[in-house]
Structure formats: structure tokens, C-alpha cells
């Protein structure tokens, strides 16, 4: 791994992380042989369900926890050998807020600047600049505890930019925001890339967010890279259409057997959750198989609802490589392991 690479802002090789909670609880493998690179000046998305290893990866790359195996470098510096140098070059927005609710927006940013070694005049000037850039100038002297969720999240990002980092890590930055606030945050992320030439590492479990923002995307599951590439390239690689059929109280094996008799269907998956489920399949021409699929289900007495056909989505990409839909993975996965246990 090159320590002076100007092409890649992040380089990760065979990264592993095992948490050992102690007692009778078994070790938890959060990352397993994870390898990827991030080109400088791009928005790189890590897309995966809860518990996939996204936050663990981010914490290693920002020196908040150490890897159990492998190597990683950010802005040309090894995260284990030179953590202080890495911290000078990165900004980090965690899933939780990083600002003090009792202080004003200005006071929070000035405090961050002073902690980064700025003199009072420079810190205040930087605070005013960032508050203006993020549309918070009118509320600069309001206690942050009175900010809306969207305003506070924008302030979190501004707070991470006080020292003008080369690489900005955003860990689930829009979780819990309403659609309007989420759209505003997307605009800010695009602006950061365009105006500041900053590298943005974005972790998310929102398909639309990854699709709209990421130049390059890595789908991660069970701590391992599933597939990577641009969103458009990943979707284009799946030739044909996707057929989806909503099911009521389905018997999985029966649906699979019936669907297998329909000519033109391939990569057939049946998912069940409670009394509901869905049939998902690929086809070269979905419009040609809708009728035969409906006829086959009706003839077998299988209850179904809405039937839809569409071009490939990122969810289809995830389904293709993992054998389950993204929504199903998110509903059954837990959060990334906590870091207060012992780590190997």
C-alpha cells in the first residue's frame, strides 16, 4: 500500500475486525477480508443493511478503533502507524450528533476551531463562513437544542469541516430526517464535492441516497464486499427486467415450484415475512411473462396482489449477488457491533 498515493484518498487491504465481548458471549466478526479503494475527489458510497459492517469500517478509517487484521490508509497515512496524521486530514460525522445543544451554532464551531489550534479570530471567521455555506447564518446565535433535526445535521457536517479536511466521513447522515431535510442534505453533499473538491465517504442503508449521490459504490454485507462499481454500471450489468409479485400467506416451496414452470423467468426468489411475501424474478422481457405468471399462480390457487415490472434497481443488484432483497436483509439484521467490548 502506497503511503504517498495522490490517486486514492482511501486504500483498504484485507481489513478484518473481531469483537470479543467476554464472558460466555462468542466473538463477533464485524469485518472479514475487506478490500477497496476510493478515488480522491469522489463521493464513495458504502451501501448495506444494518449490521453489515459500514460503521465499523468508518471507525477504523477515522482511527476510532483498531483493525484486527489487514491495513488501511487515509490521505496517504496508515491508520495504525500514524493515527494523528490521519485525524488532521479527516472530518467525521457520526450517526449521533456532535454538537452541544446548550451552545449556539457559532459557539459550537468556534469551539471546534479552537480545539483544532486556531486562534480566536480565525476560528470565528471560519465559523461564520461555514454557517453561511450551510444556510445557518440566520440561526447562528440560537442554541442548537432549538434547531430542527435537519438544521442540526447540517451543523454536524459544518462542524466536521472546520479544519478543512481532505476526506469527510458521513456515517448514515440522513437517518431520522424527514424527506425535505434529507433532500437538503443531499444538496449539501453534492455542493461539497463540487466546490471543495473533497472526498466524501458516505455510509447509508437508503438505496435512493446511494443511487443519487455516489460516484462509486460498494455493497457490503456480513463485513465483506459483495460488489462494487458505479450505480449505473451495477444496474446495467443486470440484463433484462425485474418482475415482482406481492404474495398473501405464501408457501415458499409451492411458489418456487410454480414459478419455475413459467418460461422466461430466471433467478427466482421467494421471500416471506409473517403472512406476507413476494416473488421476485428476472426476465428478458417482463411484459411477456406477466400474463403467464399470473395464470400459473391462479391455477395453483396461490393468493397474490400487486404485480409490477421495472428496469433493474440497486435492490435487484443486491438480490442478484446475495440471494435476498435489501429490505429483507435490513429487517433481519442488527446494528454494527458496539465497540465497548474487547477487540482482537
Foldseek 3Di string as FASTA:
>chain_A
DALQDQFFQKWWFQFWWWFDQDDPDHIATQAGGAGDTHTFLFEEEEAAFFSLNPVVVVCQQQLVDDTPDTWMDGNSHTCVVCVVVSNLAEFEQAPDFDFDQQFFLQVRQLVLLVVVPDDNVLSSVLSCVLCVLLVNNVRRRPRNVPDDPLVRLSSSQSSRCSSPHQEYEYEASCPPHDPVSVVSVLVSLVCCSVPSSHYYYYYHNDQVSQLPGGQKYFYTGSNYTQDIGHQVVLLVVQAAKKKKWKFFQDDQVVLVVLVVVQPFWDLWAWDDDPGIIMIMTGGNYVVVRPVVSVVSCVVVVTDIDDMDMGRGGVQNSVCVRPVDGRVVSNVPDHHHDDDPGHMD
